[in-house]
Amino acid sequence: MLPSHCIAFAGTVLLAKGELVDVVKAVKAAIDAGHAPSIALLDGATSHPVQIDFGGTEEEVLQRIARAPARSSPGRPKPGVVPREVTLLPRHWEWLSGQPGGASVALRKLVERASRDARGADTMRAARDAAYRFMHELMGDAPGFEEASRALFAGDGGRFAELVARWPRDVRGHLLKLAGPAFGAA
């Protein structure tokens, strides 16, 4: 699935960011101008690489992405239950069977509570992972990459910002934006 928002870099210079179609147009123009080997097209939120076939004309490229399934937007899931197997110890099944509503209701309540409680940690982990993917993609061979990675995973925002301060402006700007929530910043 294709993301709705992307970011593209030609080397370490920001080429485009925003809606997928707009970024693809900018990337196609850069490729046609001879910058193909140095362009990174990434999901703007997760930093996962976005795979697009840029062969042919701009119109052909846009037609191909229009036919690709888009990533669904966040929101309420369709109603329904998905059955899956759960393996627990006998004492867990015993406890669950004694709960009001039975095992299924108790498990759903436990999962809901745990997901609410972990929301902050999940946000921080997702931001850290997106920042790491981005910096690895663009700066994996750069001086200070290993030290910056250690600071990122240690949750040391000040040290991280200090270590990436000399990196190219466009890379640094996007990286600090991605990494902010990993350090508890909004």
C-alpha atoms as a PDB file:
ATOM      1  CA  MET A   1       0.000   0.000   0.000  1.00  0.00           C
ATOM      2  CA  LEU A   2       1.143   3.489  -0.748  1.00  0.00           C
ATOM      3  CA  PRO A   3       1.236   6.188   1.944  1.00  0.00           C
ATOM      4  CA  SER A   4      -0.727   9.390   1.432  1.00  0.00           C
ATOM      5  CA  HIS A   5       2.177  11.635   2.519  1.00  0.00           C
ATOM      6  CA  CYS A   6       5.793  11.221   1.454  1.00  0.00           C
ATOM      7  CA  ILE A   7       9.135  12.935   1.578  1.00  0.00           C
ATOM      8  CA  ALA A   8      11.868  12.762  -1.034  1.00  0.00           C
ATOM      9  CA  PHE A   9      15.538  13.644  -0.800  1.00  0.00           C
ATOM     10  CA  ALA A  10      18.053  14.045  -3.595  1.00  0.00           C
ATOM     11  CA  GLY A  11      21.157  13.095  -1.663  1.00  0.00           C
ATOM     12  CA  THR A  12      20.817  15.124   1.527  1.00  0.00           C
ATOM     13  CA  VAL A  13      18.721  17.934   0.002  1.00  0.00           C
ATOM     14  CA  LEU A  14      14.965  17.947   0.481  1.00  0.00           C
ATOM     15  CA  LEU A  15      13.394  17.482  -2.944  1.00  0.00           C
ATOM     16  CA  ALA A  16       9.710  17.454  -1.988  1.00  0.00           C
ATOM     17  CA  LYS A  17       7.312  16.563   0.799  1.00  0.00           C
ATOM     18  CA  GLY A  18       3.568  16.342   1.004  1.00  0.00           C
ATOM     19  CA  GLU A  19       0.869  14.460  -0.861  1.00  0.00           C
ATOM     20  CA  LEU A  20       2.080  11.352  -2.669  1.00  0.00           C
ATOM     21  CA  VAL A  21       1.136  12.606  -6.145  1.00  0.00           C
ATOM     22  CA  ASP A  22       2.973  15.915  -5.701  1.00  0.00           C
ATOM     23  CA  VAL A  23       6.112  14.223  -4.382  1.00  0.00           C
ATOM     24  CA  VAL A  24       6.047  11.624  -7.162  1.00  0.00           C
ATOM     25  CA  LYS A  25       5.860  14.410  -9.764  1.00  0.00           C
ATOM     26  CA  ALA A  26       8.920  16.096  -8.227  1.00  0.00           C
ATOM     27  CA  VAL A  27      10.831  12.807  -8.066  1.00  0.00           C
ATOM     28  CA  LYS A  28       9.940  11.958 -11.670  1.00  0.00           C
ATOM     29  CA  ALA A  29      11.205  15.377 -12.799  1.00  0.00           C
ATOM     30  CA  ALA A  30      14.456  14.870 -10.869  1.00  0.00           C
ATOM     31  CA  ILE A  31      14.917  11.387 -12.337  1.00  0.00           C
ATOM     32  CA  ASP A  32      14.323  12.729 -15.824  1.00  0.00           C
ATOM     33  CA  ALA A  33      16.963  15.385 -15.069  1.00  0.00           C
ATOM     34  CA  GLY A  34      19.507  12.657 -14.224  1.00  0.00           C
ATOM     35  CA  HIS A  35      19.347  12.412 -10.383  1.00  0.00           C
ATOM     36  CA  ALA A  36      18.013   8.833 -10.241  1.00  0.00           C
ATOM     37  CA  PRO A  37      20.747   7.114  -8.191  1.00  0.00           C
ATOM     38  CA  SER A  38      20.650   9.566  -5.293  1.00  0.00           C
ATOM     39  CA  ILE A  39      16.897   9.931  -4.650  1.00  0.00           C
ATOM     40  CA  ALA A  40      15.263   8.518  -1.533  1.00  0.00           C
ATOM     41  CA  LEU A  41      11.447   8.403  -1.525  1.00  0.00           C
ATOM     42  CA  LEU A  42      10.107   7.673   1.965  1.00  0.00           C
ATOM     43  CA  ASP A  43       6.829   7.473   3.838  1.00  0.00           C
ATOM     44  CA  GLY A  44       6.635  10.835   5.613  1.00  0.00           C
ATOM     45  CA  ALA A  45       5.552   9.319   8.929  1.00  0.00           C
ATOM     46  CA  THR A  46       7.390   6.001   9.171  1.00  0.00           C
ATOM     47  CA  SER A  47      10.413   6.573   6.903  1.00  0.00           C
ATOM     48  CA  HIS A  48       9.768   3.254   5.164  1.00  0.00           C
ATOM     49  CA  PRO A  49      10.975   3.358   1.545  1.00  0.00           C
ATOM     50  CA  VAL A  50       8.183   3.857  -0.986  1.00  0.00           C
ATOM     51  CA  GLN A  51       8.490   1.694  -4.082  1.00  0.00           C
ATOM     52  CA  ILE A  52       7.262   3.387  -7.264  1.00  0.00           C
ATOM     53  CA  ASP A  53       7.924   2.357 -10.856  1.00  0.00           C
ATOM     54  CA  PHE A  54       9.144   5.603 -12.435  1.00  0.00           C
ATOM     55  CA  GLY A  55       9.441   4.105 -15.926  1.00  0.00           C
ATOM     56  CA  GLY A  56       7.640   5.901 -18.725  1.00  0.00           C
ATOM     57  CA  THR A  57       6.061   9.326 -18.765  1.00  0.00           C
ATOM     58  CA  GLU A  58       4.839  11.246 -15.742  1.00  0.00           C
ATOM     59  CA  GLU A  59       1.278  10.441 -16.790  1.00  0.00           C
ATOM     60  CA  GLU A  60       2.045   6.704 -16.888  1.00  0.00           C
ATOM     61  CA  VAL A  61       3.665   6.849 -13.445  1.00  0.00           C
ATOM     62  CA  LEU A  62       0.665   8.702 -12.002  1.00  0.00           C
ATOM     63  CA  GLN A  63      -1.747   6.211 -13.580  1.00  0.00           C
ATOM     64  CA  ARG A  64       0.137   3.332 -11.948  1.00  0.00           C
ATOM     65  CA  ILE A  65       0.027   4.895  -8.485  1.00  0.00           C
ATOM     66  CA  ALA A  66      -3.671   5.723  -8.919  1.00  0.00           C
ATOM     67  CA  ARG A  67      -4.338   1.999  -9.421  1.00  0.00           C
ATOM     68  CA  ALA A  68      -2.252   0.987  -6.376  1.00  0.00           C
ATOM     69  CA  PRO A  69      -4.182   0.417  -3.156  1.00  0.00           C
ATOM     70  CA  ALA A  70      -3.870   3.384  -0.807  1.00  0.00           C
ATOM     71  CA  ARG A  71      -3.120   2.954   2.873  1.00  0.00           C
ATOM     72  CA  SER A  72      -6.321   3.220   4.847  1.00  0.00           C
ATOM     73  CA  SER A  73      -6.690   6.223   7.069  1.00  0.00           C
ATOM     74  CA  PRO A  74      -7.000   5.883  10.815  1.00  0.00           C
ATOM     75  CA  GLY A  75     -10.502   5.576  12.183  1.00  0.00           C
ATOM     76  CA  ARG A  76     -13.033   3.116  13.459  1.00  0.00           C
ATOM     77  CA  PRO A  77     -12.483  -0.430  12.275  1.00  0.00           C
ATOM     78  CA  LYS A  78     -15.315  -2.271  10.574  1.00  0.00           C
ATOM     79  CA  PRO A  79     -17.509  -4.014  13.128  1.00  0.00           C
ATOM     80  CA  GLY A  80     -16.810  -7.651  13.699  1.00  0.00           C
ATOM     81  CA  VAL A  81     -14.724 -10.113  15.552  1.00  0.00           C
ATOM     82  CA  VAL A  82     -11.581 -11.799  14.298  1.00  0.00           C
ATOM     83  CA  PRO A  83     -11.125 -15.254  15.753  1.00  0.00           C
ATOM     84  CA  ARG A  84      -7.551 -16.242  16.613  1.00  0.00           C
ATOM     85  CA  GLU A  85      -5.983 -18.903  18.748  1.00  0.00           C
ATOM     86  CA  VAL A  86      -4.644 -17.908  22.151  1.00  0.00           C
ATOM     87  CA  THR A  87      -2.393 -20.188  24.161  1.00  0.00           C
ATOM     88  CA  LEU A  88      -2.437 -19.700  27.910  1.00  0.00           C
ATOM     89  CA  LEU A  89      -1.484 -21.673  30.971  1.00  0.00           C
ATOM     90  CA  PRO A  90      -4.251 -23.609  32.753  1.00  0.00           C
ATOM     91  CA  ARG A  91      -4.285 -21.139  35.659  1.00  0.00           C
ATOM     92  CA  HIS A  92      -4.892 -18.294  33.175  1.00  0.00           C
ATOM     93  CA  TRP A  93      -7.848 -20.134  31.610  1.00  0.00           C
ATOM     94  CA  GLU A  94      -9.187 -20.831  35.092  1.00  0.00           C
ATOM     95  CA  TRP A  95      -9.027 -17.154  36.032  1.00  0.00           C
ATOM     96  CA  LEU A  96     -10.585 -16.082  32.703  1.00  0.00           C
ATOM     97  CA  SER A  97     -13.474 -18.525  33.023  1.00  0.00           C
ATOM     98  CA  GLY A  98     -14.420 -16.943  36.344  1.00  0.00           C
ATOM     99  CA  GLN A  99     -14.633 -13.418  34.908  1.00  0.00           C
ATOM    100  CA  PRO A 100     -17.991 -11.759  34.141  1.00  0.00           C
ATOM    101  CA  GLY A 101     -18.763 -12.319  30.463  1.00  0.00           C
ATOM    102  CA  GLY A 102     -16.263 -15.132  30.122  1.00  0.00           C
ATOM    103  CA  ALA A 103     -12.800 -15.353  28.621  1.00  0.00           C
ATOM    104  CA  SER A 104     -13.454 -13.313  25.460  1.00  0.00           C
ATOM    105  CA  VAL A 105     -14.863 -10.301  27.290  1.00  0.00           C
ATOM    106  CA  ALA A 106     -12.098 -10.389  29.896  1.00  0.00           C
ATOM    107  CA  LEU A 107      -9.375 -10.646  27.237  1.00  0.00           C
ATOM    108  CA  ARG A 108     -10.845  -7.741  25.240  1.00  0.00           C
ATOM    109  CA  LYS A 109     -10.940  -5.592  28.392  1.00  0.00           C
ATOM    110  CA  LEU A 110      -7.350  -6.500  29.267  1.00  0.00           C
ATOM    111  CA  VAL A 111      -6.121  -5.713  25.739  1.00  0.00           C
ATOM    112  CA  GLU A 112      -7.980  -2.377  25.687  1.00  0.00           C
ATOM    113  CA  ARG A 113      -6.527  -1.362  29.043  1.00  0.00           C
ATOM    114  CA  ALA A 114      -3.006  -2.421  28.049  1.00  0.00           C
ATOM    115  CA  SER A 115      -3.196  -0.584  24.711  1.00  0.00           C
ATOM    116  CA  ARG A 116      -4.386   2.609  26.459  1.00  0.00           C
ATOM    117  CA  ASP A 117      -1.636   2.335  29.068  1.00  0.00           C
ATOM    118  CA  ALA A 118       1.061   1.772  26.419  1.00  0.00           C
ATOM    119  CA  ARG A 119      -0.013   4.583  24.092  1.00  0.00           C
ATOM    120  CA  GLY A 120       2.794   6.944  25.166  1.00  0.00           C
ATOM    121  CA  ALA A 121       5.478   4.276  24.979  1.00  0.00           C
ATOM    122  CA  ASP A 122       4.153   3.123  21.591  1.00  0.00           C
ATOM    123  CA  THR A 123       4.322   6.687  20.250  1.00  0.00           C
ATOM    124  CA  MET A 124       7.872   7.100  21.499  1.00  0.00           C
ATOM    125  CA  ARG A 125       8.941   3.762  20.001  1.00  0.00           C
ATOM    126  CA  ALA A 126       7.332   4.528  16.628  1.00  0.00           C
ATOM    127  CA  ALA A 127       9.043   7.944  16.500  1.00  0.00           C
ATOM    128  CA  ARG A 128      12.411   6.446  17.437  1.00  0.00           C
ATOM    129  CA  ASP A 129      12.077   3.736  14.802  1.00  0.00           C
ATOM    130  CA  ALA A 130      11.025   6.211  12.078  1.00  0.00           C
ATOM    131  CA  ALA A 131      13.916   8.534  12.960  1.00  0.00           C
ATOM    132  CA  TYR A 132      16.391   5.656  12.915  1.00  0.00           C
ATOM    133  CA  ARG A 133      15.150   4.366   9.531  1.00  0.00           C
ATOM    134  CA  PHE A 134      15.423   7.888   8.116  1.00  0.00           C
ATOM    135  CA  MET A 135      18.909   8.597   9.441  1.00  0.00           C
ATOM    136  CA  HIS A 136      20.140   5.155   8.407  1.00  0.00           C
ATOM    137  CA  GLU A 137      18.803   5.683   4.874  1.00  0.00           C
ATOM    138  CA  LEU A 138      20.346   9.116   4.386  1.00  0.00           C
ATOM    139  CA  MET A 139      23.238   9.327   6.844  1.00  0.00           C
ATOM    140  CA  GLY A 140      24.221   5.711   7.540  1.00  0.00           C
ATOM    141  CA  ASP A 141      27.834   6.386   6.534  1.00  0.00           C
ATOM    142  CA  ALA A 142      28.064   9.881   8.000  1.00  0.00           C
ATOM    143  CA  PRO A 143      30.460  10.827  10.782  1.00  0.00           C
ATOM    144  CA  GLY A 144      28.655  10.614  14.094  1.00  0.00           C
ATOM    145  CA  PHE A 145      25.953   8.227  12.852  1.00  0.00           C
ATOM    146  CA  GLU A 146      26.762   5.513  15.401  1.00  0.00           C
ATOM    147  CA  GLU A 147      26.934   7.954  18.294  1.00  0.00           C
ATOM    148  CA  ALA A 148      23.685   9.638  17.212  1.00  0.00           C
ATOM    149  CA  SER A 149      22.020   6.224  16.981  1.00  0.00           C
ATOM    150  CA  ARG A 150      23.119   5.393  20.507  1.00  0.00           C
ATOM    151  CA  ALA A 151      21.771   8.720  21.808  1.00  0.00           C
ATOM    152  CA  LEU A 152      18.472   8.154  19.977  1.00  0.00           C
ATOM    153  CA  PHE A 153      17.990   4.687  21.462  1.00  0.00           C
ATOM    154  CA  ALA A 154      19.115   5.884  24.901  1.00  0.00           C
ATOM    155  CA  GLY A 155      16.459   8.612  24.823  1.00  0.00           C
ATOM    156  CA  ASP A 156      19.061  11.379  25.187  1.00  0.00           C
ATOM    157  CA  GLY A 157      17.495  14.159  23.117  1.00  0.00           C
ATOM    158  CA  GLY A 158      20.081  16.795  23.988  1.00  0.00           C
ATOM    159  CA  ARG A 159      23.016  14.607  23.011  1.00  0.00           C
ATOM    160  CA  PHE A 160      21.190  13.477  19.859  1.00  0.00           C
ATOM    161  CA  ALA A 161      20.566  17.080  18.738  1.00  0.00           C
ATOM    162  CA  GLU A 162      24.188  17.954  19.482  1.00  0.00           C
ATOM    163  CA  LEU A 163      25.478  15.019  17.406  1.00  0.00           C
ATOM    164  CA  VAL A 164      23.328  15.763  14.351  1.00  0.00           C
ATOM    165  CA  ALA A 165      23.868  19.543  14.506  1.00  0.00           C
ATOM    166  CA  ARG A 166      26.514  19.434  11.750  1.00  0.00           C
ATOM    167  CA  TRP A 167      24.480  17.225   9.422  1.00  0.00           C
ATOM    168  CA  PRO A 168      22.928  18.841   6.325  1.00  0.00           C
ATOM    169  CA  ARG A 169      20.142  21.271   7.218  1.00  0.00           C
ATOM    170  CA  ASP A 170      17.299  19.490   5.381  1.00  0.00           C
ATOM    171  CA  VAL A 171      18.210  16.098   6.836  1.00  0.00           C
ATOM    172  CA  ARG A 172      18.664  17.519  10.326  1.00  0.00           C
ATOM    173  CA  GLY A 173      15.347  19.401  10.206  1.00  0.00           C
ATOM    174  CA  HIS A 174      13.300  16.376   9.197  1.00  0.00           C
ATOM    175  CA  LEU A 175      15.205  14.066  11.531  1.00  0.00           C
ATOM    176  CA  LEU A 176      14.648  16.268  14.577  1.00  0.00           C
ATOM    177  CA  LYS A 177      10.948  16.528  13.712  1.00  0.00           C
ATOM    178  CA  LEU A 178      10.667  12.730  13.438  1.00  0.00           C
ATOM    179  CA  ALA A 179      12.671  12.094  16.593  1.00  0.00           C
ATOM    180  CA  GLY A 180      10.958  14.693  18.797  1.00  0.00           C
ATOM    181  CA  PRO A 181       8.249  12.342  20.137  1.00  0.00           C
ATOM    182  CA  ALA A 182      10.920   9.708  20.865  1.00  0.00           C
ATOM    183  CA  PHE A 183      12.245  12.026  23.551  1.00  0.00           C
ATOM    184  CA  GLY A 184       8.815  12.885  24.915  1.00  0.00           C
ATOM    185  CA  ALA A 185       8.465  16.092  22.893  1.00  0.00           C
ATOM    186  CA  ALA A 186       5.220  16.759  21.021  1.00  0.00           C
END
